[in-house]
Amino acid sequence: MNGYLVVAYGFVWGIFTLYAWVISGRQEKLKREVEELKSAFSPK
């Protein structure tokens, strides 16, 4: 029974880490897009 708890704990942390990594990548992409839009619409 205790072994299942360790496996479940590791699985949950693995999913959380994967989720955080994906969200981080999306955030960086969004930052780049915002910067592109700012430069496109800024007065020249």
C-alpha atoms as a PDB file:
ATOM      1  CA  MET A   1       0.000   0.000   0.000  1.00  0.00           C
ATOM      2  CA  ASN A   2       2.786   2.428   0.859  1.00  0.00           C
ATOM      3  CA  GLY A   3       4.429   1.863  -2.520  1.00  0.00           C
ATOM      4  CA  TYR A   4       1.281   3.020  -4.297  1.00  0.00           C
ATOM      5  CA  LEU A   5       1.329   6.229  -2.292  1.00  0.00           C
ATOM      6  CA  VAL A   6       4.891   6.964  -3.408  1.00  0.00           C
ATOM      7  CA  VAL A   7       4.027   6.229  -7.038  1.00  0.00           C
ATOM      8  CA  ALA A   8       0.913   8.421  -6.865  1.00  0.00           C
ATOM      9  CA  TYR A   9       2.889  11.239  -5.226  1.00  0.00           C
ATOM     10  CA  GLY A  10       5.552  11.073  -7.944  1.00  0.00           C
ATOM     11  CA  PHE A  11       2.918  10.954 -10.661  1.00  0.00           C
ATOM     12  CA  VAL A  12       1.149  14.050  -9.317  1.00  0.00           C
ATOM     13  CA  TRP A  13       4.422  15.984  -9.090  1.00  0.00           C
ATOM     14  CA  GLY A  14       5.349  14.879 -12.599  1.00  0.00           C
ATOM     15  CA  ILE A  15       2.027  16.108 -13.986  1.00  0.00           C
ATOM     16  CA  PHE A  16       2.391  19.395 -12.088  1.00  0.00           C
ATOM     17  CA  THR A  17       5.915  19.902 -13.431  1.00  0.00           C
ATOM     18  CA  LEU A  18       4.782  19.182 -16.979  1.00  0.00           C
ATOM     19  CA  TYR A  19       1.872  21.604 -16.604  1.00  0.00           C
ATOM     20  CA  ALA A  20       4.143  24.353 -15.248  1.00  0.00           C
ATOM     21  CA  TRP A  21       6.585  23.806 -18.148  1.00  0.00           C
ATOM     22  CA  VAL A  22       3.800  24.063 -20.743  1.00  0.00           C
ATOM     23  CA  ILE A  23       2.363  27.211 -19.144  1.00  0.00           C
ATOM     24  CA  SER A  24       5.833  28.763 -19.026  1.00  0.00           C
ATOM     25  CA  GLY A  25       6.310  28.138 -22.742  1.00  0.00           C
ATOM     26  CA  ARG A  26       2.953  29.687 -23.549  1.00  0.00           C
ATOM     27  CA  GLN A  27       3.809  32.725 -21.406  1.00  0.00           C
ATOM     28  CA  GLU A  28       7.070  33.270 -23.285  1.00  0.00           C
ATOM     29  CA  LYS A  29       5.281  32.988 -26.630  1.00  0.00           C
ATOM     30  CA  LEU A  30       2.677  35.502 -25.477  1.00  0.00           C
ATOM     31  CA  LYS A  31       5.416  37.935 -24.370  1.00  0.00           C
ATOM     32  CA  ARG A  32       7.037  37.740 -27.810  1.00  0.00           C
ATOM     33  CA  GLU A  33       3.717  38.351 -29.544  1.00  0.00           C
ATOM     34  CA  VAL A  34       2.976  41.376 -27.348  1.00  0.00           C
ATOM     35  CA  GLU A  35       6.401  42.837 -28.114  1.00  0.00           C
ATOM     36  CA  GLU A  36       5.841  42.292 -31.840  1.00  0.00           C
ATOM     37  CA  LEU A  37       2.492  44.049 -31.645  1.00  0.00           C
ATOM     38  CA  LYS A  38       3.960  46.928 -29.653  1.00  0.00           C
ATOM     39  CA  SER A  39       6.672  47.460 -32.240  1.00  0.00           C
ATOM     40  CA  ALA A  40       4.193  47.137 -35.109  1.00  0.00           C
ATOM     41  CA  PHE A  41       1.846  49.770 -33.716  1.00  0.00           C
ATOM     42  CA  SER A  42       4.344  52.159 -32.182  1.00  0.00           C
ATOM     43  CA  PRO A  43       4.769  55.543 -33.874  1.00  0.00           C
ATOM     44  CA  LYS A  44       7.832  55.682 -36.078  1.00  0.00           C
END
